[in-house]
Amino acid sequence: MESKEGLRKRMRSLLFAGSDCSQAQSFELLTRLRSLSELGSSEILVGFLAIKQEPDLRPYLVEWLRSGRKLLLPRFVPSQGQYELASVTDLARDLVPGHYGILEPHPLLPKDISCGTDNFPSRAWLVPGLAFSASGARLGRGKGYYDRLLGHSQDLIIGVCWDCQLISGIPVLAHDVTVHFVVTESRIIDCRQPAMSD
């Protein structure tokens, strides 16, 4: 089995070499995301803002806010060297360039304290990754930020990526958080179901 570092290098090269995905592909991915009933029944969404070749979820996040539901986004805390979550109500007003140049909630917005609690209203996470497998394994960028944010959460976790990022043989360590679904521009994979091959 290829090492995580080897896989990361290969996937970064693949994504860097590939052309930007078309608006049609983005539209298809967002359409599939909207059709996922498990996500639609959630009251709180933890989203992300795309970097480089990641799928741009902003249209979906705006729709979520317009529905009156709560949206949380990651914000880097330099003094702690990790991310926390903050609630946003307006993507145009509440975001500023942050760590790694990624837009994130303004530092003055209060930290969300519901993360890590199991007695909170239904919450779903949309998470990026360099790669995902049909069994729910996620290959992150190697810093462990999402693994720490998610911890032992019982929330619904949905990986979002392009078809080219679906691979087999991702090593899974004890601290690695797996996803329940993977959504791409062409399909929704229920990772809770046994895969034919992974």
N, C-alpha and C. Protein backbone atom coordinates (compact mmCIF):
# COMPACT_ATOMS: atom_id res chain seq x y z
N MET A 1 0.85 -1.19 0.00
CA MET A 1 0.00 0.00 0.00
C MET A 1 0.89 1.25 0.00
N GLU A 2 0.55 2.21 -0.85
CA GLU A 2 1.31 3.45 -0.95
C GLU A 2 1.18 4.26 0.34
N SER A 3 2.27 4.92 0.74
CA SER A 3 2.25 5.72 1.96
C SER A 3 1.37 6.95 1.78
N LYS A 4 0.95 7.53 2.90
CA LYS A 4 0.15 8.75 2.82
C LYS A 4 0.91 9.87 2.13
N GLU A 5 2.20 10.01 2.45
CA GLU A 5 2.97 11.08 1.83
C GLU A 5 3.10 10.87 0.33
N GLY A 6 3.28 9.61 -0.07
CA GLY A 6 3.34 9.31 -1.50
C GLY A 6 2.02 9.62 -2.19
N LEU A 7 0.93 9.26 -1.54
CA LEU A 7 -0.40 9.56 -2.09
C LEU A 7 -0.63 11.07 -2.17
N ARG A 8 -0.22 11.79 -1.14
CA ARG A 8 -0.41 13.25 -1.16
C ARG A 8 0.35 13.88 -2.33
N LYS A 9 1.57 13.44 -2.52
CA LYS A 9 2.38 13.98 -3.61
C LYS A 9 1.72 13.69 -4.95
N ARG A 10 1.25 12.47 -5.12
CA ARG A 10 0.60 12.08 -6.38
C ARG A 10 -0.68 12.87 -6.62
N MET A 11 -1.49 13.03 -5.58
CA MET A 11 -2.76 13.73 -5.74
C MET A 11 -2.55 15.23 -5.96
N ARG A 12 -1.56 15.82 -5.30
CA ARG A 12 -1.27 17.24 -5.55
C ARG A 12 -0.85 17.45 -7.00
N SER A 13 -0.01 16.55 -7.50
CA SER A 13 0.43 16.66 -8.90
C SER A 13 -0.75 16.51 -9.85
N LEU A 14 -1.62 15.55 -9.56
CA LEU A 14 -2.79 15.32 -10.40
C LEU A 14 -3.69 16.55 -10.43
N LEU A 15 -3.97 17.12 -9.26
CA LEU A 15 -4.85 18.28 -9.19
C LEU A 15 -4.20 19.51 -9.81
N PHE A 16 -2.90 19.66 -9.61
CA PHE A 16 -2.19 20.81 -10.18
C PHE A 16 -2.15 20.73 -11.70
N ALA A 17 -1.95 19.51 -12.22
CA ALA A 17 -1.86 19.33 -13.67
C ALA A 17 -3.21 19.46 -14.36
N GLY A 18 -4.28 19.13 -13.65
CA GLY A 18 -5.61 19.19 -14.24
C GLY A 18 -6.08 20.61 -14.42
N SER A 19 -6.88 20.82 -15.44
CA SER A 19 -7.45 22.15 -15.65
C SER A 19 -8.56 22.39 -14.64
N ASP A 20 -8.90 23.64 -14.45
CA ASP A 20 -10.00 23.97 -13.54
C ASP A 20 -11.27 23.30 -14.01
N CYS A 21 -12.04 22.80 -13.07
CA CYS A 21 -13.29 22.14 -13.43
C CYS A 21 -14.27 23.17 -13.97
N SER A 22 -15.09 22.72 -14.88
CA SER A 22 -16.03 23.61 -15.54
C SER A 22 -17.18 24.00 -14.63
N GLN A 23 -17.89 25.05 -15.03
CA GLN A 23 -19.08 25.45 -14.28
C GLN A 23 -20.11 24.33 -14.29
N ALA A 24 -20.16 23.59 -15.41
CA ALA A 24 -21.12 22.48 -15.50
C ALA A 24 -20.81 21.41 -14.45
N GLN A 25 -19.52 21.10 -14.27
CA GLN A 25 -19.14 20.11 -13.26
C GLN A 25 -19.48 20.61 -11.85
N SER A 26 -19.22 21.88 -11.60
CA SER A 26 -19.56 22.45 -10.30
C SER A 26 -21.06 22.40 -10.07
N PHE A 27 -21.83 22.72 -11.11
CA PHE A 27 -23.29 22.69 -11.01
C PHE A 27 -23.76 21.28 -10.67
N GLU A 28 -23.18 20.28 -11.35
CA GLU A 28 -23.57 18.89 -11.10
C GLU A 28 -23.25 18.47 -9.66
N LEU A 29 -22.08 18.86 -9.18
CA LEU A 29 -21.70 18.51 -7.81
C LEU A 29 -22.67 19.14 -6.81
N LEU A 30 -22.98 20.42 -6.99
CA LEU A 30 -23.89 21.09 -6.06
C LEU A 30 -25.30 20.52 -6.15
N THR A 31 -25.71 20.09 -7.34
CA THR A 31 -27.02 19.46 -7.50
C THR A 31 -27.09 18.17 -6.70
N ARG A 32 -26.03 17.38 -6.74
CA ARG A 32 -25.99 16.14 -5.97
C ARG A 32 -25.98 16.42 -4.46
N LEU A 33 -25.26 17.43 -4.08
CA LEU A 33 -25.23 17.82 -2.67
C LEU A 33 -26.63 18.19 -2.18
N ARG A 34 -27.35 18.96 -2.99
CA ARG A 34 -28.71 19.36 -2.63
C ARG A 34 -29.66 18.17 -2.51
N SER A 35 -29.37 17.11 -3.27
CA SER A 35 -30.28 15.95 -3.30
C SER A 35 -30.06 14.99 -2.13
N LEU A 36 -29.01 15.19 -1.37
CA LEU A 36 -28.69 14.28 -0.26
C LEU A 36 -29.62 14.56 0.91
N SER A 37 -30.61 13.70 1.10
CA SER A 37 -31.65 13.96 2.11
C SER A 37 -31.08 14.02 3.53
N GLU A 38 -30.06 13.21 3.81
CA GLU A 38 -29.46 13.22 5.14
C GLU A 38 -28.89 14.61 5.46
N LEU A 39 -28.37 15.28 4.46
CA LEU A 39 -27.83 16.63 4.66
C LEU A 39 -28.96 17.64 4.81
N GLY A 40 -29.99 17.50 4.01
CA GLY A 40 -31.11 18.43 4.04
C GLY A 40 -31.84 18.46 5.37
N SER A 41 -31.80 17.36 6.12
CA SER A 41 -32.51 17.31 7.40
C SER A 41 -31.68 17.84 8.57
N SER A 42 -30.44 18.24 8.30
CA SER A 42 -29.58 18.78 9.37
C SER A 42 -29.95 20.22 9.69
N GLU A 43 -29.73 20.61 10.93
CA GLU A 43 -30.04 21.97 11.38
C GLU A 43 -28.82 22.88 11.34
N ILE A 44 -27.64 22.28 11.47
CA ILE A 44 -26.39 23.04 11.49
C ILE A 44 -25.45 22.44 10.46
N LEU A 45 -24.78 23.30 9.70
CA LEU A 45 -23.81 22.84 8.70
C LEU A 45 -22.45 23.42 9.02
N VAL A 46 -21.44 22.56 9.04
CA VAL A 46 -20.06 23.01 9.10
C VAL A 46 -19.53 22.89 7.68
N GLY A 47 -19.27 24.02 7.06
CA GLY A 47 -18.82 24.02 5.67
C GLY A 47 -17.35 24.36 5.56
N PHE A 48 -16.91 24.59 4.33
CA PHE A 48 -15.54 25.06 4.10
C PHE A 48 -15.54 25.95 2.87
N LEU A 49 -14.52 26.79 2.78
CA LEU A 49 -14.33 27.65 1.62
C LEU A 49 -13.16 27.10 0.82
N ALA A 50 -13.37 26.91 -0.45
CA ALA A 50 -12.44 26.18 -1.30
C ALA A 50 -11.11 26.90 -1.48
N ILE A 51 -10.06 26.09 -1.62
CA ILE A 51 -8.75 26.59 -2.04
C ILE A 51 -8.37 25.86 -3.32
N LYS A 52 -7.61 26.52 -4.15
CA LYS A 52 -7.06 25.94 -5.38
C LYS A 52 -8.11 25.15 -6.15
N GLN A 53 -7.90 23.86 -6.34
CA GLN A 53 -8.81 23.07 -7.18
C GLN A 53 -9.96 22.41 -6.41
N GLU A 54 -10.22 22.82 -5.20
CA GLU A 54 -11.35 22.23 -4.45
C GLU A 54 -12.68 22.74 -5.01
N PRO A 55 -13.73 21.94 -4.88
CA PRO A 55 -15.06 22.40 -5.32
C PRO A 55 -15.51 23.65 -4.54
N ASP A 56 -16.05 24.61 -5.27
CA ASP A 56 -16.53 25.86 -4.67
C ASP A 56 -17.95 25.66 -4.17
N LEU A 57 -18.12 25.67 -2.87
CA LEU A 57 -19.43 25.42 -2.26
C LEU A 57 -20.20 26.69 -1.94
N ARG A 58 -19.67 27.85 -2.28
CA ARG A 58 -20.32 29.10 -1.86
C ARG A 58 -21.79 29.20 -2.26
N PRO A 59 -22.19 28.82 -3.48
CA PRO A 59 -23.63 28.90 -3.79
C PRO A 59 -24.49 28.07 -2.83
N TYR A 60 -24.00 26.89 -2.47
CA TYR A 60 -24.74 26.04 -1.54
C TYR A 60 -24.77 26.66 -0.14
N LEU A 61 -23.65 27.23 0.29
CA LEU A 61 -23.59 27.84 1.62
C LEU A 61 -24.54 29.03 1.72
N VAL A 62 -24.63 29.82 0.64
CA VAL A 62 -25.56 30.95 0.62
C VAL A 62 -27.00 30.45 0.73
N GLU A 63 -27.32 29.38 -0.01
CA GLU A 63 -28.67 28.80 0.07
C GLU A 63 -28.97 28.32 1.50
N TRP A 64 -27.98 27.71 2.12
CA TRP A 64 -28.15 27.22 3.49
C TRP A 64 -28.51 28.37 4.43
N LEU A 65 -27.77 29.47 4.32
CA LEU A 65 -28.04 30.63 5.16
C LEU A 65 -29.43 31.21 4.88
N ARG A 66 -29.82 31.25 3.63
CA ARG A 66 -31.13 31.79 3.27
C ARG A 66 -32.27 30.94 3.82
N SER A 67 -31.98 29.67 4.08
CA SER A 67 -33.02 28.79 4.65
C SER A 67 -33.20 29.03 6.15
N GLY A 68 -32.37 29.91 6.72
CA GLY A 68 -32.49 30.24 8.13
C GLY A 68 -31.75 29.30 9.06
N ARG A 69 -30.93 28.42 8.49
CA ARG A 69 -30.19 27.48 9.33
C ARG A 69 -28.78 28.00 9.63
N LYS A 70 -28.17 27.40 10.63
CA LYS A 70 -26.87 27.88 11.13
C LYS A 70 -25.73 27.33 10.28
N LEU A 71 -24.78 28.21 9.96
CA LEU A 71 -23.59 27.83 9.20
C LEU A 71 -22.35 28.14 10.02
N LEU A 72 -21.49 27.13 10.17
CA LEU A 72 -20.21 27.29 10.85
C LEU A 72 -19.09 27.11 9.84
N LEU A 73 -18.03 27.91 9.98
CA LEU A 73 -16.86 27.79 9.11
C LEU A 73 -15.60 27.77 9.95
N PRO A 74 -14.55 27.08 9.47
CA PRO A 74 -13.30 27.02 10.23
C PRO A 74 -12.55 28.36 10.21
N ARG A 75 -11.88 28.63 11.32
CA ARG A 75 -11.05 29.84 11.44
C ARG A 75 -9.76 29.44 12.16
N PHE A 76 -8.63 29.80 11.60
CA PHE A 76 -7.34 29.42 12.20
C PHE A 76 -7.01 30.33 13.37
N VAL A 77 -6.51 29.70 14.44
CA VAL A 77 -6.08 30.44 15.64
C VAL A 77 -4.57 30.29 15.75
N PRO A 78 -3.80 31.30 15.28
CA PRO A 78 -2.34 31.17 15.25
C PRO A 78 -1.72 30.83 16.60
N SER A 79 -2.25 31.40 17.67
CA SER A 79 -1.65 31.17 19.00
C SER A 79 -1.79 29.72 19.45
N GLN A 80 -2.78 29.00 18.88
CA GLN A 80 -3.00 27.60 19.24
C GLN A 80 -2.53 26.65 18.15
N GLY A 81 -2.26 27.19 16.96
CA GLY A 81 -1.83 26.35 15.85
C GLY A 81 -2.90 25.39 15.37
N GLN A 82 -4.16 25.75 15.54
CA GLN A 82 -5.25 24.88 15.11
C GLN A 82 -6.47 25.71 14.72
N TYR A 83 -7.48 25.01 14.21
CA TYR A 83 -8.70 25.67 13.78
C TYR A 83 -9.78 25.58 14.86
N GLU A 84 -10.68 26.56 14.84
CA GLU A 84 -11.91 26.54 15.62
C GLU A 84 -13.04 26.88 14.66
N LEU A 85 -14.27 26.76 15.13
CA LEU A 85 -15.42 27.07 14.30
C LEU A 85 -16.08 28.36 14.77
N ALA A 86 -16.56 29.13 13.79
CA ALA A 86 -17.30 30.35 14.11
C ALA A 86 -18.54 30.40 13.23
N SER A 87 -19.60 30.97 13.77
CA SER A 87 -20.87 31.08 13.04
C SER A 87 -20.85 32.32 12.16
N VAL A 88 -21.29 32.15 10.91
CA VAL A 88 -21.40 33.28 9.99
C VAL A 88 -22.84 33.39 9.52
N THR A 89 -23.25 34.61 9.21
CA THR A 89 -24.61 34.84 8.72
C THR A 89 -24.62 35.48 7.34
N ASP A 90 -23.47 35.97 6.89
CA ASP A 90 -23.38 36.65 5.59
C ASP A 90 -21.98 36.43 5.03
N LEU A 91 -21.87 35.68 3.94
CA LEU A 91 -20.55 35.37 3.40
C LEU A 91 -19.84 36.61 2.88
N ALA A 92 -20.59 37.59 2.40
CA ALA A 92 -19.97 38.81 1.87
C ALA A 92 -19.43 39.70 2.98
N ARG A 93 -20.05 39.66 4.13
CA ARG A 93 -19.70 40.57 5.22
C ARG A 93 -18.81 39.94 6.29
N ASP A 94 -18.98 38.66 6.55
CA ASP A 94 -18.36 38.04 7.73
C ASP A 94 -16.99 37.41 7.49
N LEU A 95 -16.49 37.42 6.25
CA LEU A 95 -15.26 36.70 5.94
C LEU A 95 -14.10 37.65 5.64
N VAL A 96 -12.91 37.23 6.05
CA VAL A 96 -11.67 37.97 5.76
C VAL A 96 -10.60 36.96 5.36
N PRO A 97 -9.57 37.38 4.60
CA PRO A 97 -8.47 36.46 4.28
C PRO A 97 -7.76 36.05 5.57
N GLY A 98 -7.54 34.76 5.72
CA GLY A 98 -6.91 34.26 6.93
C GLY A 98 -5.68 33.44 6.62
N HIS A 99 -5.44 32.43 7.45
CA HIS A 99 -4.28 31.56 7.32
C HIS A 99 -4.28 30.89 5.95
N TYR A 100 -3.12 30.76 5.33
CA TYR A 100 -2.96 30.17 4.00
C TYR A 100 -3.72 30.96 2.93
N GLY A 101 -4.18 32.19 3.24
CA GLY A 101 -4.91 32.99 2.27
C GLY A 101 -6.35 32.56 2.08
N ILE A 102 -6.83 31.65 2.92
CA ILE A 102 -8.20 31.15 2.81
C ILE A 102 -9.15 32.13 3.50
N LEU A 103 -10.28 32.41 2.86
CA LEU A 103 -11.29 33.23 3.53
C LEU A 103 -11.82 32.47 4.74
N GLU A 104 -11.98 33.19 5.85
CA GLU A 104 -12.47 32.57 7.08
C GLU A 104 -13.24 33.60 7.89
N PRO A 105 -13.99 33.16 8.90
CA PRO A 105 -14.76 34.10 9.71
C PRO A 105 -13.87 35.18 10.34
N HIS A 106 -14.40 36.39 10.39
CA HIS A 106 -13.69 37.52 10.98
C HIS A 106 -13.29 37.18 12.42
N PRO A 107 -12.10 37.62 12.86
CA PRO A 107 -11.65 37.31 14.23
C PRO A 107 -12.60 37.79 15.33
N LEU A 108 -13.40 38.82 15.05
CA LEU A 108 -14.30 39.34 16.08
C LEU A 108 -15.58 38.53 16.22
N LEU A 109 -15.86 37.65 15.25
CA LEU A 109 -17.04 36.80 15.38
C LEU A 109 -16.79 35.77 16.48
N PRO A 110 -17.79 35.51 17.33
CA PRO A 110 -17.56 34.59 18.46
C PRO A 110 -17.32 33.15 18.01
N LYS A 111 -16.47 32.49 18.77
CA LYS A 111 -16.20 31.07 18.55
C LYS A 111 -17.46 30.27 18.86
N ASP A 112 -17.72 29.24 18.04
CA ASP A 112 -18.84 28.35 18.30
C ASP A 112 -18.40 27.31 19.34
N ILE A 113 -19.23 27.09 20.34
CA ILE A 113 -18.86 26.16 21.41
C ILE A 113 -19.58 24.82 21.31
N SER A 114 -20.36 24.63 20.24
CA SER A 114 -21.11 23.37 20.13
C SER A 114 -20.26 22.23 19.62
N CYS A 115 -19.11 22.54 18.99
CA CYS A 115 -18.26 21.48 18.43
C CYS A 115 -17.78 20.56 19.54
N GLY A 116 -17.93 19.26 19.31
CA GLY A 116 -17.49 18.28 20.29
C GLY A 116 -18.55 17.88 21.29
N THR A 117 -19.73 18.51 21.19
CA THR A 117 -20.82 18.12 22.08
C THR A 117 -21.77 17.22 21.32
N ASP A 118 -22.31 16.24 21.97
CA ASP A 118 -23.20 15.28 21.31
C ASP A 118 -24.67 15.58 21.56
N ASN A 119 -24.97 16.56 22.40
CA ASN A 119 -26.36 16.84 22.72
C ASN A 119 -26.85 18.10 22.00
N PHE A 120 -26.31 18.34 20.82
CA PHE A 120 -26.66 19.53 20.06
C PHE A 120 -27.57 19.14 18.91
N PRO A 121 -28.36 20.09 18.35
CA PRO A 121 -29.20 19.76 17.19
C PRO A 121 -28.39 19.13 16.07
N SER A 122 -29.07 18.41 15.19
CA SER A 122 -28.39 17.65 14.14
C SER A 122 -27.45 18.54 13.34
N ARG A 123 -26.25 18.05 13.18
CA ARG A 123 -25.18 18.82 12.55
C ARG A 123 -24.52 17.95 11.48
N ALA A 124 -24.17 18.59 10.37
CA ALA A 124 -23.48 17.89 9.28
C ALA A 124 -22.21 18.67 8.93
N TRP A 125 -21.22 17.92 8.49
CA TRP A 125 -19.94 18.52 8.08
C TRP A 125 -19.72 18.26 6.59
N LEU A 126 -19.29 19.28 5.87
CA LEU A 126 -18.76 19.11 4.52
C LEU A 126 -17.25 19.28 4.63
N VAL A 127 -16.50 18.26 4.25
CA VAL A 127 -15.05 18.32 4.43
C VAL A 127 -14.33 18.12 3.10
N PRO A 128 -13.25 18.89 2.90
CA PRO A 128 -12.44 18.70 1.71
C PRO A 128 -11.39 17.63 1.96
N GLY A 129 -10.67 17.27 0.94
CA GLY A 129 -9.57 16.32 1.07
C GLY A 129 -8.82 16.23 -0.24
N LEU A 130 -7.61 15.71 -0.19
CA LEU A 130 -6.87 15.46 -1.42
C LEU A 130 -7.44 14.24 -2.13
N ALA A 131 -7.98 13.29 -1.35
CA ALA A 131 -8.56 12.07 -1.93
C ALA A 131 -9.50 11.44 -0.92
N PHE A 132 -10.43 10.64 -1.46
CA PHE A 132 -11.35 9.85 -0.65
C PHE A 132 -11.46 8.47 -1.26
N SER A 133 -11.85 7.49 -0.44
CA SER A 133 -12.12 6.15 -0.95
C SER A 133 -13.60 5.84 -0.78
N ALA A 134 -14.06 4.82 -1.47
CA ALA A 134 -15.47 4.43 -1.40
C ALA A 134 -15.85 3.92 -0.01
N SER A 135 -14.86 3.53 0.79
CA SER A 135 -15.14 3.06 2.15
C SER A 135 -15.14 4.20 3.17
N GLY A 136 -14.89 5.43 2.70
CA GLY A 136 -14.95 6.58 3.60
C GLY A 136 -13.61 7.08 4.10
N ALA A 137 -12.51 6.46 3.68
CA ALA A 137 -11.20 6.96 4.10
C ALA A 137 -10.95 8.32 3.44
N ARG A 138 -10.33 9.21 4.19
CA ARG A 138 -10.03 10.56 3.69
C ARG A 138 -8.54 10.81 3.78
N LEU A 139 -7.98 11.34 2.70
CA LEU A 139 -6.58 11.76 2.69
C LEU A 139 -6.56 13.28 2.77
N GLY A 140 -6.18 13.81 3.93
CA GLY A 140 -6.10 15.25 4.10
C GLY A 140 -4.75 15.78 3.64
N ARG A 141 -4.47 17.00 4.00
CA ARG A 141 -3.22 17.64 3.56
C ARG A 141 -2.06 17.37 4.51
N GLY A 142 -2.30 16.61 5.57
CA GLY A 142 -1.20 16.16 6.42
C GLY A 142 -1.03 16.90 7.73
N LYS A 143 -1.86 17.88 7.99
CA LYS A 143 -1.74 18.66 9.23
C LYS A 143 -2.66 18.14 10.34
N GLY A 144 -3.66 17.33 10.00
CA GLY A 144 -4.56 16.77 11.01
C GLY A 144 -5.60 17.74 11.53
N TYR A 145 -5.78 18.88 10.84
CA TYR A 145 -6.73 19.89 11.34
C TYR A 145 -8.15 19.34 11.46
N TYR A 146 -8.63 18.70 10.39
CA TYR A 146 -10.01 18.20 10.43
C TYR A 146 -10.17 17.04 11.40
N ASP A 147 -9.16 16.18 11.49
CA ASP A 147 -9.23 15.08 12.45
C ASP A 147 -9.40 15.62 13.87
N ARG A 148 -8.69 16.70 14.19
CA ARG A 148 -8.80 17.28 15.54
C ARG A 148 -10.14 17.99 15.72
N LEU A 149 -10.59 18.71 14.69
CA LEU A 149 -11.89 19.40 14.79
C LEU A 149 -13.02 18.41 15.01
N LEU A 150 -12.98 17.32 14.26
CA LEU A 150 -14.07 16.34 14.33
C LEU A 150 -13.98 15.49 15.59
N GLY A 151 -12.77 15.19 16.03
CA GLY A 151 -12.61 14.39 17.24
C GLY A 151 -13.40 13.10 17.17
N HIS A 152 -14.20 12.86 18.19
CA HIS A 152 -15.04 11.65 18.24
C HIS A 152 -16.49 11.98 17.92
N SER A 153 -16.68 12.96 17.07
CA SER A 153 -18.02 13.43 16.73
C SER A 153 -18.89 12.32 16.15
N GLN A 154 -20.17 12.36 16.51
CA GLN A 154 -21.15 11.44 15.94
C GLN A 154 -21.93 12.11 14.81
N ASP A 155 -21.49 13.31 14.40
CA ASP A 155 -22.18 14.06 13.36
C ASP A 155 -22.06 13.37 12.00
N LEU A 156 -22.93 13.78 11.08
CA LEU A 156 -22.86 13.34 9.69
C LEU A 156 -21.68 14.02 9.02
N ILE A 157 -20.81 13.23 8.39
CA ILE A 157 -19.60 13.78 7.76
C ILE A 157 -19.63 13.43 6.27
N ILE A 158 -19.53 14.46 5.44
CA ILE A 158 -19.64 14.29 3.98
C ILE A 158 -18.37 14.82 3.32
N GLY A 159 -17.67 13.95 2.63
CA GLY A 159 -16.51 14.37 1.85
C GLY A 159 -16.97 14.94 0.52
N VAL A 160 -16.34 16.02 0.10
CA VAL A 160 -16.70 16.68 -1.17
C VAL A 160 -15.45 16.76 -2.03
N CYS A 161 -15.52 16.21 -3.24
CA CYS A 161 -14.35 16.20 -4.11
C CYS A 161 -14.76 15.98 -5.56
N TRP A 162 -13.79 16.02 -6.45
CA TRP A 162 -14.02 15.69 -7.86
C TRP A 162 -13.82 14.19 -8.06
N ASP A 163 -14.39 13.66 -9.14
CA ASP A 163 -14.25 12.23 -9.44
C ASP A 163 -12.80 11.77 -9.45
N CYS A 164 -11.91 12.61 -9.98
CA CYS A 164 -10.50 12.22 -10.10
C CYS A 164 -9.83 12.03 -8.75
N GLN A 165 -10.50 12.46 -7.68
CA GLN A 165 -9.94 12.33 -6.33
C GLN A 165 -10.41 11.07 -5.61
N LEU A 166 -11.20 10.25 -6.28
CA LEU A 166 -11.63 8.98 -5.70
C LEU A 166 -10.58 7.93 -6.01
N ILE A 167 -9.99 7.36 -4.98
CA ILE A 167 -8.95 6.35 -5.16
C ILE A 167 -9.17 5.22 -4.16
N SER A 168 -8.43 4.15 -4.33
CA SER A 168 -8.48 3.05 -3.36
C SER A 168 -7.17 3.02 -2.59
N GLY A 169 -7.17 2.29 -1.50
CA GLY A 169 -5.93 2.06 -0.77
C GLY A 169 -5.41 3.23 0.04
N ILE A 170 -6.30 4.04 0.63
CA ILE A 170 -5.84 5.11 1.51
C ILE A 170 -5.59 4.52 2.90
N PRO A 171 -4.37 4.62 3.42
CA PRO A 171 -4.11 4.10 4.77
C PRO A 171 -4.94 4.85 5.81
N VAL A 172 -5.49 4.12 6.77
CA VAL A 172 -6.30 4.74 7.84
C VAL A 172 -5.65 4.41 9.18
N LEU A 173 -5.28 5.47 9.91
CA LEU A 173 -4.70 5.31 11.23
C LEU A 173 -5.77 5.50 12.30
N ALA A 174 -5.43 5.20 13.54
CA ALA A 174 -6.42 5.23 14.63
C ALA A 174 -7.07 6.59 14.79
N HIS A 175 -6.32 7.67 14.56
CA HIS A 175 -6.87 9.02 14.78
C HIS A 175 -7.58 9.58 13.55
N ASP A 176 -7.53 8.88 12.43
CA ASP A 176 -8.13 9.37 11.19
C ASP A 176 -9.65 9.27 11.25
N VAL A 177 -10.31 10.35 10.89
CA VAL A 177 -11.77 10.38 10.84
C VAL A 177 -12.23 10.00 9.44
N THR A 178 -13.16 9.06 9.36
CA THR A 178 -13.71 8.66 8.06
C THR A 178 -15.03 9.39 7.81
N VAL A 179 -15.46 9.39 6.55
CA VAL A 179 -16.69 10.09 6.17
C VAL A 179 -17.81 9.09 5.93
N HIS A 180 -19.06 9.58 6.05
CA HIS A 180 -20.23 8.73 5.82
C HIS A 180 -20.66 8.73 4.36
N PHE A 181 -20.44 9.84 3.67
CA PHE A 181 -20.76 9.97 2.25
C PHE A 181 -19.62 10.69 1.55
N VAL A 182 -19.50 10.42 0.24
CA VAL A 182 -18.64 11.23 -0.62
C VAL A 182 -19.50 11.72 -1.77
N VAL A 183 -19.45 13.02 -2.03
CA VAL A 183 -20.22 13.62 -3.12
C VAL A 183 -19.25 14.18 -4.15
N THR A 184 -19.44 13.78 -5.40
CA THR A 184 -18.64 14.30 -6.52
C THR A 184 -19.60 14.86 -7.57
N GLU A 185 -19.03 15.27 -8.71
CA GLU A 185 -19.88 15.81 -9.77
C GLU A 185 -20.71 14.74 -10.47
N SER A 186 -20.38 13.46 -10.27
CA SER A 186 -21.12 12.42 -10.98
C SER A 186 -21.85 11.43 -10.08
N ARG A 187 -21.59 11.47 -8.76
CA ARG A 187 -22.22 10.46 -7.91
C ARG A 187 -22.20 10.83 -6.43
N ILE A 188 -23.04 10.10 -5.71
CA ILE A 188 -23.04 10.14 -4.25
C ILE A 188 -22.70 8.73 -3.78
N ILE A 189 -21.66 8.60 -2.98
CA ILE A 189 -21.26 7.30 -2.47
C ILE A 189 -21.64 7.22 -0.99
N ASP A 190 -22.44 6.22 -0.65
CA ASP A 190 -22.77 5.96 0.75
C ASP A 190 -21.69 5.04 1.31
N CYS A 191 -20.78 5.60 2.05
CA CYS A 191 -19.63 4.86 2.56
C CYS A 191 -19.99 3.92 3.70
N ARG A 192 -21.23 4.00 4.17
CA ARG A 192 -21.68 3.10 5.22
C ARG A 192 -22.04 1.73 4.65
N GLN A 193 -22.19 1.68 3.32
CA GLN A 193 -22.49 0.42 2.64
C GLN A 193 -21.17 -0.23 2.22
N PRO A 194 -21.07 -1.55 2.31
CA PRO A 194 -19.82 -2.21 1.89
C PRO A 194 -19.54 -1.94 0.42
N ALA A 195 -18.30 -1.54 0.13
CA ALA A 195 -17.90 -1.29 -1.25
C ALA A 195 -17.51 -2.59 -1.93
N MET A 196 -17.71 -2.67 -3.23
CA MET A 196 -17.33 -3.86 -3.99
C MET A 196 -15.83 -4.08 -3.92
N SER A 197 -15.08 -3.00 -4.07
CA SER A 197 -13.63 -3.09 -3.95
C SER A 197 -13.11 -1.73 -3.53
N ASP A 198 -12.09 -1.74 -2.68
CA ASP A 198 -11.54 -0.46 -2.21
C ASP A 198 -10.03 -0.57 -2.08
